[in-house]
Every structure is written in C-alpha cells, then in structure tokens.
C-alpha atoms as a PDB file:
ATOM      1  CA  UNK A   1     -97.066 -44.038  73.752  1.00  0.00           C
ATOM      2  CA  UNK A   2     -97.472 -47.293  74.861  1.00  0.00           C
ATOM      3  CA  UNK A   3     -97.656 -51.460  73.193  1.00  0.00           C
ATOM      4  CA  UNK A   4     -98.904 -53.823  74.558  1.00  0.00           C
ATOM      5  CA  UNK A   5     -99.796 -57.614  73.612  1.00  0.00           C
ATOM      6  CA  UNK A   6    -101.929 -60.926  74.960  1.00  0.00           C
ATOM      7  CA  UNK A   7    -102.591 -64.130  74.165  1.00  0.00           C
ATOM      8  CA  UNK A   8    -105.968 -65.907  74.817  1.00  0.00           C
ATOM      9  CA  UNK A   9    -106.090 -69.304  73.851  1.00  0.00           C
ATOM     10  CA  UNK A  10    -104.046 -69.172  70.686  1.00  0.00           C
ATOM     11  CA  UNK A  11    -105.709 -66.210  69.291  1.00  0.00           C
ATOM     12  CA  UNK A  12    -103.005 -63.458  68.836  1.00  0.00           C
ATOM     13  CA  UNK A  13    -103.966 -59.982  69.864  1.00  0.00           C
ATOM     14  CA  UNK A  14    -102.036 -56.425  70.859  1.00  0.00           C
ATOM     15  CA  UNK A  15    -103.725 -52.927  71.162  1.00  0.00           C
ATOM     16  CA  UNK A  16    -102.292 -50.195  71.464  1.00  0.00           C
ATOM     17  CA  UNK A  17    -102.396 -47.306  74.401  1.00  0.00           C
ATOM     18  CA  UNK A  18    -102.092 -43.735  73.456  1.00  0.00           C
ATOM     19  CA  UNK A  19    -101.814 -40.896  76.078  1.00  0.00           C
ATOM     20  CA  UNK A  20    -103.707 -37.587  75.680  1.00  0.00           C
ATOM     21  CA  UNK A  21    -104.355 -34.796  77.178  1.00  0.00           C
ATOM     22  CA  UNK A  22    -108.127 -35.016  76.193  1.00  0.00           C
ATOM     23  CA  UNK A  23    -110.719 -36.650  77.042  1.00  0.00           C
ATOM     24  CA  UNK A  24    -111.414 -38.674  74.739  1.00  0.00           C
ATOM     25  CA  UNK A  25    -111.009 -42.608  74.473  1.00  0.00           C
ATOM     26  CA  UNK A  26    -107.464 -43.190  74.293  1.00  0.00           C
ATOM     27  CA  UNK A  27    -107.607 -47.362  74.207  1.00  0.00           C
ATOM     28  CA  UNK A  28    -107.645 -48.867  70.378  1.00  0.00           C
ATOM     29  CA  UNK A  29    -107.912 -52.292  70.441  1.00  0.00           C
ATOM     30  CA  UNK A  30    -107.599 -54.444  67.460  1.00  0.00           C
ATOM     31  CA  UNK A  31    -107.905 -57.993  66.558  1.00  0.00           C
ATOM     32  CA  UNK A  32    -105.471 -59.373  64.396  1.00  0.00           C
ATOM     33  CA  UNK A  33    -106.378 -62.570  63.440  1.00  0.00           C
ATOM     34  CA  UNK A  34    -109.489 -61.159  62.259  1.00  0.00           C
ATOM     35  CA  UNK A  35    -107.611 -59.350  59.009  1.00  0.00           C
ATOM     36  CA  UNK A  36    -106.074 -62.150  58.103  1.00  0.00           C
ATOM     37  CA  UNK A  37    -108.799 -62.789  55.703  1.00  0.00           C
ATOM     38  CA  UNK A  38    -108.346 -66.940  55.515  1.00  0.00           C
ATOM     39  CA  UNK A  39    -104.856 -65.790  53.926  1.00  0.00           C
ATOM     40  CA  UNK A  40    -102.417 -68.111  55.760  1.00  0.00           C
ATOM     41  CA  UNK A  41     -99.147 -65.800  54.555  1.00  0.00           C
ATOM     42  CA  UNK A  42    -100.709 -62.885  56.310  1.00  0.00           C
ATOM     43  CA  UNK A  43    -101.905 -64.819  59.882  1.00  0.00           C
ATOM     44  CA  UNK A  44     -98.572 -65.448  60.236  1.00  0.00           C
ATOM     45  CA  UNK A  45     -96.943 -62.532  58.944  1.00  0.00           C
ATOM     46  CA  UNK A  46     -99.638 -60.780  61.790  1.00  0.00           C
ATOM     47  CA  UNK A  47     -98.516 -63.530  64.130  1.00  0.00           C
ATOM     48  CA  UNK A  48     -95.124 -62.697  63.851  1.00  0.00           C
ATOM     49  CA  UNK A  49     -95.592 -59.053  64.626  1.00  0.00           C
ATOM     50  CA  UNK A  50     -97.739 -60.250  68.085  1.00  0.00           C
ATOM     51  CA  UNK A  51     -95.279 -62.723  68.884  1.00  0.00           C
ATOM     52  CA  UNK A  52     -92.162 -59.853  69.279  1.00  0.00           C
ATOM     53  CA  UNK A  53     -94.331 -57.579  71.557  1.00  0.00           C
ATOM     54  CA  UNK A  54     -95.824 -59.864  73.517  1.00  0.00           C
ATOM     55  CA  UNK A  55     -92.262 -61.020  74.397  1.00  0.00           C
ATOM     56  CA  UNK A  56     -91.307 -57.797  75.106  1.00  0.00           C
ATOM     57  CA  UNK A  57     -94.383 -57.499  77.789  1.00  0.00           C
ATOM     58  CA  UNK A  58     -93.530 -60.218  79.452  1.00  0.00           C
ATOM     59  CA  UNK A  59     -89.717 -60.125  79.287  1.00  0.00           C
ATOM     60  CA  UNK A  60     -89.545 -63.797  77.621  1.00  0.00           C
ATOM     61  CA  UNK A  61     -86.802 -64.754  75.823  1.00  0.00           C
ATOM     62  CA  UNK A  62     -88.885 -67.740  74.254  1.00  0.00           C
ATOM     63  CA  UNK A  63     -91.402 -65.479  73.001  1.00  0.00           C
ATOM     64  CA  UNK A  64     -89.802 -63.975  70.768  1.00  0.00           C
ATOM     65  CA  UNK A  65     -87.812 -67.250  69.516  1.00  0.00           C
ATOM     66  CA  UNK A  66     -90.551 -68.161  69.136  1.00  0.00           C
ATOM     67  CA  UNK A  67     -91.203 -64.833  66.956  1.00  0.00           C
ATOM     68  CA  UNK A  68     -87.889 -65.698  65.227  1.00  0.00           C
ATOM     69  CA  UNK A  69     -88.633 -68.928  63.895  1.00  0.00           C
ATOM     70  CA  UNK A  70     -92.835 -67.816  62.987  1.00  0.00           C
ATOM     71  CA  UNK A  71     -90.792 -64.593  60.979  1.00  0.00           C
ATOM     72  CA  UNK A  72     -88.216 -67.201  58.899  1.00  0.00           C
ATOM     73  CA  UNK A  73     -91.111 -69.035  57.408  1.00  0.00           C
ATOM     74  CA  UNK A  74     -93.420 -65.950  56.746  1.00  0.00           C
ATOM     75  CA  UNK A  75     -89.805 -64.367  55.245  1.00  0.00           C
ATOM     76  CA  UNK A  76     -89.670 -67.690  53.164  1.00  0.00           C
ATOM     77  CA  UNK A  77     -93.153 -67.900  51.816  1.00  0.00           C
ATOM     78  CA  UNK A  78     -93.202 -64.320  51.378  1.00  0.00           C
ATOM     79  CA  UNK A  79     -89.897 -64.602  48.881  1.00  0.00           C
ATOM     80  CA  UNK A  80     -91.849 -67.248  47.119  1.00  0.00           C
ATOM     81  CA  UNK A  81     -95.328 -64.847  46.551  1.00  0.00           C
ATOM     82  CA  UNK A  82     -92.519 -61.929  45.386  1.00  0.00           C
ATOM     83  CA  UNK A  83     -91.517 -64.004  42.462  1.00  0.00           C
ATOM     84  CA  UNK A  84     -94.476 -64.548  41.273  1.00  0.00           C
ATOM     85  CA  UNK A  85     -95.536 -60.685  41.449  1.00  0.00           C
ATOM     86  CA  UNK A  86     -98.715 -60.854  43.498  1.00  0.00           C
ATOM     87  CA  UNK A  87     -99.660 -57.279  44.563  1.00  0.00           C
ATOM     88  CA  UNK A  88    -102.719 -57.554  45.951  1.00  0.00           C
ATOM     89  CA  UNK A  89    -103.544 -55.354  49.173  1.00  0.00           C
ATOM     90  CA  UNK A  90    -103.153 -58.578  51.627  1.00  0.00           C
ATOM     91  CA  UNK A  91     -99.306 -59.115  50.355  1.00  0.00           C
ATOM     92  CA  UNK A  92     -99.397 -54.997  51.059  1.00  0.00           C
ATOM     93  CA  UNK A  93    -100.407 -55.719  54.189  1.00  0.00           C
ATOM     94  CA  UNK A  94     -97.899 -58.633  54.938  1.00  0.00           C
ATOM     95  CA  UNK A  95     -94.778 -56.613  53.713  1.00  0.00           C
ATOM     96  CA  UNK A  96     -95.782 -53.964  56.325  1.00  0.00           C
ATOM     97  CA  UNK A  97     -95.686 -56.601  59.117  1.00  0.00           C
ATOM     98  CA  UNK A  98     -92.869 -58.275  58.031  1.00  0.00           C
ATOM     99  CA  UNK A  99     -90.959 -54.544  58.158  1.00  0.00           C
ATOM    100  CA  UNK A 100     -92.436 -53.662  61.719  1.00  0.00           C
ATOM    101  CA  UNK A 101     -91.034 -56.357  63.111  1.00  0.00           C
ATOM    102  CA  UNK A 102     -87.466 -56.069  61.520  1.00  0.00           C
ATOM    103  CA  UNK A 103     -87.567 -52.576  63.371  1.00  0.00           C
ATOM    104  CA  UNK A 104     -88.678 -53.806  66.354  1.00  0.00           C
ATOM    105  CA  UNK A 105     -86.785 -56.856  67.027  1.00  0.00           C
ATOM    106  CA  UNK A 106     -82.969 -55.933  67.837  1.00  0.00           C
ATOM    107  CA  UNK A 107     -80.927 -58.636  66.191  1.00  0.00           C
ATOM    108  CA  UNK A 108     -82.831 -58.846  63.392  1.00  0.00           C
ATOM    109  CA  UNK A 109     -82.761 -54.366  62.644  1.00  0.00           C
ATOM    110  CA  UNK A 110     -79.448 -54.582  62.624  1.00  0.00           C
ATOM    111  CA  UNK A 111     -78.917 -57.337  59.837  1.00  0.00           C
ATOM    112  CA  UNK A 112     -78.035 -56.076  56.122  1.00  0.00           C
ATOM    113  CA  UNK A 113     -80.893 -56.754  54.321  1.00  0.00           C
ATOM    114  CA  UNK A 114     -83.243 -54.716  57.145  1.00  0.00           C
ATOM    115  CA  UNK A 115     -83.606 -52.040  54.153  1.00  0.00           C
ATOM    116  CA  UNK A 116     -84.152 -53.973  50.992  1.00  0.00           C
ATOM    117  CA  UNK A 117     -86.943 -55.788  52.710  1.00  0.00           C
ATOM    118  CA  UNK A 118     -88.417 -51.897  52.998  1.00  0.00           C
ATOM    119  CA  UNK A 119     -87.721 -51.766  49.617  1.00  0.00           C
ATOM    120  CA  UNK A 120     -89.305 -54.385  48.880  1.00  0.00           C
ATOM    121  CA  UNK A 121     -92.352 -53.467  50.684  1.00  0.00           C
ATOM    122  CA  UNK A 122     -92.693 -49.744  48.829  1.00  0.00           C
ATOM    123  CA  UNK A 123     -92.480 -52.155  45.960  1.00  0.00           C
ATOM    124  CA  UNK A 124     -95.945 -53.776  46.388  1.00  0.00           C
ATOM    125  CA  UNK A 125     -97.265 -50.357  48.042  1.00  0.00           C
ATOM    126  CA  UNK A 126     -96.927 -48.977  44.700  1.00  0.00           C
ATOM    127  CA  UNK A 127     -98.885 -51.908  43.020  1.00  0.00           C
ATOM    128  CA  UNK A 128    -101.228 -53.517  44.783  1.00  0.00           C
ATOM    129  CA  UNK A 129    -104.659 -53.173  43.116  1.00  0.00           C
ATOM    130  CA  UNK A 130    -107.651 -53.587  46.054  1.00  0.00           C
ATOM    131  CA  UNK A 131    -110.166 -54.070  43.756  1.00  0.00           C
ATOM    132  CA  UNK A 132    -111.126 -57.211  44.746  1.00  0.00           C
ATOM    133  CA  UNK A 133    -111.425 -56.432  47.942  1.00  0.00           C
ATOM    134  CA  UNK A 134    -114.866 -56.123  49.876  1.00  0.00           C
ATOM    135  CA  UNK A 135    -116.038 -52.339  51.300  1.00  0.00           C
ATOM    136  CA  UNK A 136    -115.407 -54.826  54.614  1.00  0.00           C
ATOM    137  CA  UNK A 137    -112.042 -56.161  53.452  1.00  0.00           C
ATOM    138  CA  UNK A 138    -110.935 -52.486  52.862  1.00  0.00           C
ATOM    139  CA  UNK A 139    -111.592 -50.990  56.356  1.00  0.00           C
ATOM    140  CA  UNK A 140    -109.401 -53.649  57.942  1.00  0.00           C
ATOM    141  CA  UNK A 141    -106.495 -53.303  55.510  1.00  0.00           C
ATOM    142  CA  UNK A 142    -106.913 -49.075  56.290  1.00  0.00           C
ATOM    143  CA  UNK A 143    -107.115 -50.961  60.255  1.00  0.00           C
ATOM    144  CA  UNK A 144    -103.842 -52.662  59.631  1.00  0.00           C
ATOM    145  CA  UNK A 145    -102.521 -49.451  58.136  1.00  0.00           C
ATOM    146  CA  UNK A 146    -103.250 -47.022  60.921  1.00  0.00           C
ATOM    147  CA  UNK A 147    -101.293 -48.951  63.394  1.00  0.00           C
ATOM    148  CA  UNK A 148     -98.732 -49.798  61.402  1.00  0.00           C
ATOM    149  CA  UNK A 149     -98.558 -45.708  60.674  1.00  0.00           C
ATOM    150  CA  UNK A 150     -98.111 -45.634  64.531  1.00  0.00           C
ATOM    151  CA  UNK A 151     -95.221 -48.226  65.031  1.00  0.00           C
ATOM    152  CA  UNK A 152     -93.988 -46.670  62.055  1.00  0.00           C
ATOM    153  CA  UNK A 153     -93.703 -43.197  63.390  1.00  0.00           C
ATOM    154  CA  UNK A 154     -91.917 -44.674  66.684  1.00  0.00           C
ATOM    155  CA  UNK A 155     -89.381 -46.352  64.008  1.00  0.00           C
ATOM    156  CA  UNK A 156     -89.077 -42.891  62.784  1.00  0.00           C
ATOM    157  CA  UNK A 157     -88.241 -41.363  65.925  1.00  0.00           C
ATOM    158  CA  UNK A 158     -85.926 -44.229  66.389  1.00  0.00           C
ATOM    159  CA  UNK A 159     -83.629 -42.879  62.766  1.00  0.00           C
ATOM    160  CA  UNK A 160     -84.874 -46.002  61.232  1.00  0.00           C
ATOM    161  CA  UNK A 161     -85.577 -44.431  57.360  1.00  0.00           C
ATOM    162  CA  UNK A 162     -88.765 -45.299  55.449  1.00  0.00           C
ATOM    163  CA  UNK A 163     -87.326 -45.703  52.439  1.00  0.00           C
ATOM    164  CA  UNK A 164     -89.590 -45.460  48.870  1.00  0.00           C
ATOM    165  CA  UNK A 165     -88.497 -46.664  45.600  1.00  0.00           C
ATOM    166  CA  UNK A 166     -89.568 -46.415  42.055  1.00  0.00           C
ATOM    167  CA  UNK A 167     -91.220 -49.765  40.881  1.00  0.00           C
ATOM    168  CA  UNK A 168     -89.512 -51.502  37.744  1.00  0.00           C
ATOM    169  CA  UNK A 169     -92.604 -51.194  34.874  1.00  0.00           C
ATOM    170  CA  UNK A 170     -93.883 -54.584  33.465  1.00  0.00           C
ATOM    171  CA  UNK A 171     -93.947 -54.925  29.692  1.00  0.00           C
ATOM    172  CA  UNK A 172     -97.496 -53.735  28.262  1.00  0.00           C
ATOM    173  CA  UNK A 173     -99.052 -56.954  27.951  1.00  0.00           C
ATOM    174  CA  UNK A 174     -98.548 -57.916  31.443  1.00  0.00           C
ATOM    175  CA  UNK A 175     -96.126 -60.867  30.684  1.00  0.00           C
ATOM    176  CA  UNK A 176     -93.845 -61.002  33.624  1.00  0.00           C
ATOM    177  CA  UNK A 177     -91.651 -63.763  32.274  1.00  0.00           C
ATOM    178  CA  UNK A 178     -88.774 -61.449  30.891  1.00  0.00           C
ATOM    179  CA  UNK A 179     -89.335 -58.701  33.259  1.00  0.00           C
ATOM    180  CA  UNK A 180     -86.479 -57.638  35.240  1.00  0.00           C
ATOM    181  CA  UNK A 181     -86.143 -59.378  38.983  1.00  0.00           C
ATOM    182  CA  UNK A 182     -88.216 -57.810  41.514  1.00  0.00           C
ATOM    183  CA  UNK A 183     -85.227 -56.521  43.425  1.00  0.00           C
ATOM    184  CA  UNK A 184     -83.175 -54.979  41.241  1.00  0.00           C
ATOM    185  CA  UNK A 185     -81.992 -52.090  39.628  1.00  0.00           C
ATOM    186  CA  UNK A 186     -84.076 -50.168  42.213  1.00  0.00           C
ATOM    187  CA  UNK A 187     -83.988 -46.335  42.511  1.00  0.00           C
ATOM    188  CA  UNK A 188     -83.551 -45.286  45.932  1.00  0.00           C
ATOM    189  CA  UNK A 189     -85.504 -42.213  46.656  1.00  0.00           C
ATOM    190  CA  UNK A 190     -85.243 -42.187  50.544  1.00  0.00           C
ATOM    191  CA  UNK A 191     -86.245 -38.678  51.716  1.00  0.00           C
ATOM    192  CA  UNK A 192     -86.769 -37.179  55.187  1.00  0.00           C
ATOM    193  CA  UNK A 193     -89.996 -35.201  55.822  1.00  0.00           C
ATOM    194  CA  UNK A 194     -89.950 -32.770  58.370  1.00  0.00           C
ATOM    195  CA  UNK A 195     -92.122 -33.225  60.930  1.00  0.00           C
ATOM    196  CA  UNK A 196     -93.487 -35.752  60.334  1.00  0.00           C
ATOM    197  CA  UNK A 197     -93.568 -37.600  63.498  1.00  0.00           C
ATOM    198  CA  UNK A 198     -94.786 -35.212  65.060  1.00  0.00           C
ATOM    199  CA  UNK A 199     -97.586 -34.284  62.740  1.00  0.00           C
ATOM    200  CA  UNK A 200     -98.673 -38.074  62.746  1.00  0.00           C
ATOM    201  CA  UNK A 201     -98.585 -38.317  66.649  1.00  0.00           C
ATOM    202  CA  UNK A 202    -100.809 -34.814  66.487  1.00  0.00           C
ATOM    203  CA  UNK A 203    -103.289 -36.568  64.505  1.00  0.00           C
ATOM    204  CA  UNK A 204    -103.693 -40.167  66.266  1.00  0.00           C
ATOM    205  CA  UNK A 205    -104.225 -37.728  69.760  1.00  0.00           C
ATOM    206  CA  UNK A 206    -107.059 -36.063  68.095  1.00  0.00           C
ATOM    207  CA  UNK A 207    -110.360 -37.298  68.230  1.00  0.00           C
ATOM    208  CA  UNK A 208    -111.824 -38.778  64.735  1.00  0.00           C
ATOM    209  CA  UNK A 209    -113.085 -36.468  61.956  1.00  0.00           C
ATOM    210  CA  UNK A 210    -113.476 -36.216  58.277  1.00  0.00           C
ATOM    211  CA  UNK A 211    -110.910 -33.158  58.252  1.00  0.00           C
ATOM    212  CA  UNK A 212    -107.904 -35.302  60.552  1.00  0.00           C
ATOM    213  CA  UNK A 213    -108.316 -37.682  58.318  1.00  0.00           C
ATOM    214  CA  UNK A 214    -107.566 -36.231  55.029  1.00  0.00           C
ATOM    215  CA  UNK A 215    -105.089 -34.957  57.186  1.00  0.00           C
ATOM    216  CA  UNK A 216    -103.858 -37.985  57.853  1.00  0.00           C
ATOM    217  CA  UNK A 217    -103.842 -39.351  54.872  1.00  0.00           C
ATOM    218  CA  UNK A 218    -102.230 -36.827  53.033  1.00  0.00           C
ATOM    219  CA  UNK A 219     -98.857 -37.438  55.499  1.00  0.00           C
ATOM    220  CA  UNK A 220     -99.125 -40.789  54.566  1.00  0.00           C
ATOM    221  CA  UNK A 221     -98.966 -39.984  50.884  1.00  0.00           C
ATOM    222  CA  UNK A 222     -95.858 -38.022  51.478  1.00  0.00           C
ATOM    223  CA  UNK A 223     -94.141 -41.597  51.649  1.00  0.00           C
ATOM    224  CA  UNK A 224     -95.295 -42.758  49.250  1.00  0.00           C
ATOM    225  CA  UNK A 225     -94.852 -39.871  46.911  1.00  0.00           C
ATOM    226  CA  UNK A 226     -91.945 -37.560  48.796  1.00  0.00           C
ATOM    227  CA  UNK A 227     -91.630 -34.915  46.128  1.00  0.00           C
ATOM    228  CA  UNK A 228     -95.531 -33.773  46.437  1.00  0.00           C
END
C-alpha cells in the first residue's frame, strides 16, 4: 500500500493507491476539503493529516513543521469541544484524524499522551449522534471512516494498539454539569483482534459488493465491541 498527498491552490487532497492482483481499479481518491461541512475544527484536523503525508511524500521538513503547528491549534480546539461534550459525527471524524496524525508523526507518536487521545476518540465514537446528518453527509462520513481504517490497519501492523474504552454514563436528565470529567476513570479494554490487519487488507483489495461491505463493517465493529 502506498500513500500520496497533493496540494493544489491551497486545496488539500490525498489519495491511496492499493496494489491489487486482480483487474480492478486500485486508485481511490478522496477530496478531504469537501468533507469538512463548513466545520472549522474538522477542516483543520483534515488539513493536519494531509500536511503530514504531503511532507513525507516531498521529503520536506518544513511541511511537517507546519502540520505540527496546525495539529497544536486543532488539539486545543478539540479539547474545548470535548469539555462541552460535543458528540456529533463530525467530532468522531476529527478525533480519528487527530489520532491518525499521531500515528504517522514519529515525534508526536512517542509522546506519553498518545493513547489518551485514542481513548478520547473511542469515547466519542460510542456517543456520536448522526441523526442530524443528511444522507449525503452520512456517506461522506463513512468514506472518511473507511479511509482511516486503511491507515489504521497500517498502524496496527506497526504495533500501535487501538484502545476501546467504556464511556462514563451521563445523568438520566441529560444534565452534564455534574457529570464526571470527560477523560477520567476510563476502563481500558485494549484487546488484540486476531488477524484484523490481514482481514481488512484482504477486503480492501476486492471489488465493492454488498457482501464485502457487510464483512468490512463486521470487522470494524469488533474494535468497538471486542467481545462480540
């Protein structure tokens, strides 16, 4: 699997080329800038991810440096949104993008807080509310998720464990004023799912079909519910 990034007129894009032994199209292009839904935080997170890959492709240290600055700003905004307990599907895409950046920036990946950010993303993943999204937005969110799954399979191969956590329950009345701290008292249920990388990679080499799509979704759900 090869990763590429391009920047044209300040419009950030990246695409994935998946080698295949069958006669199918191996190029999958995703225009990240159109997936931000006019959400400043999501747009910044997506640009952060694109910058790290652009820097690696060009072997230009100035680009990753700009990416780290963008990452710092996005992380501050993410923490503010987390304290407000924002739990929409866009936030899940933001968290996944931030975790993805941390996987592939060797400086950030060695920081002690990396796994805490993974935990935060998983918590939000359990709490997302996609009911306010249009069908087109749901499709785009899924495309972002599928893209991240490709990269995370590489992260798993690099022995970067994906953690799942139990989210603290909110009061029955929905008032979060006295709810526990968003990141405190997490029950770490990190597990290793046998063969998950190989199974995902195998599916991503195949042409799209409803059966393959269901199989892909089943594997991904195991990250969220490792005991099922």
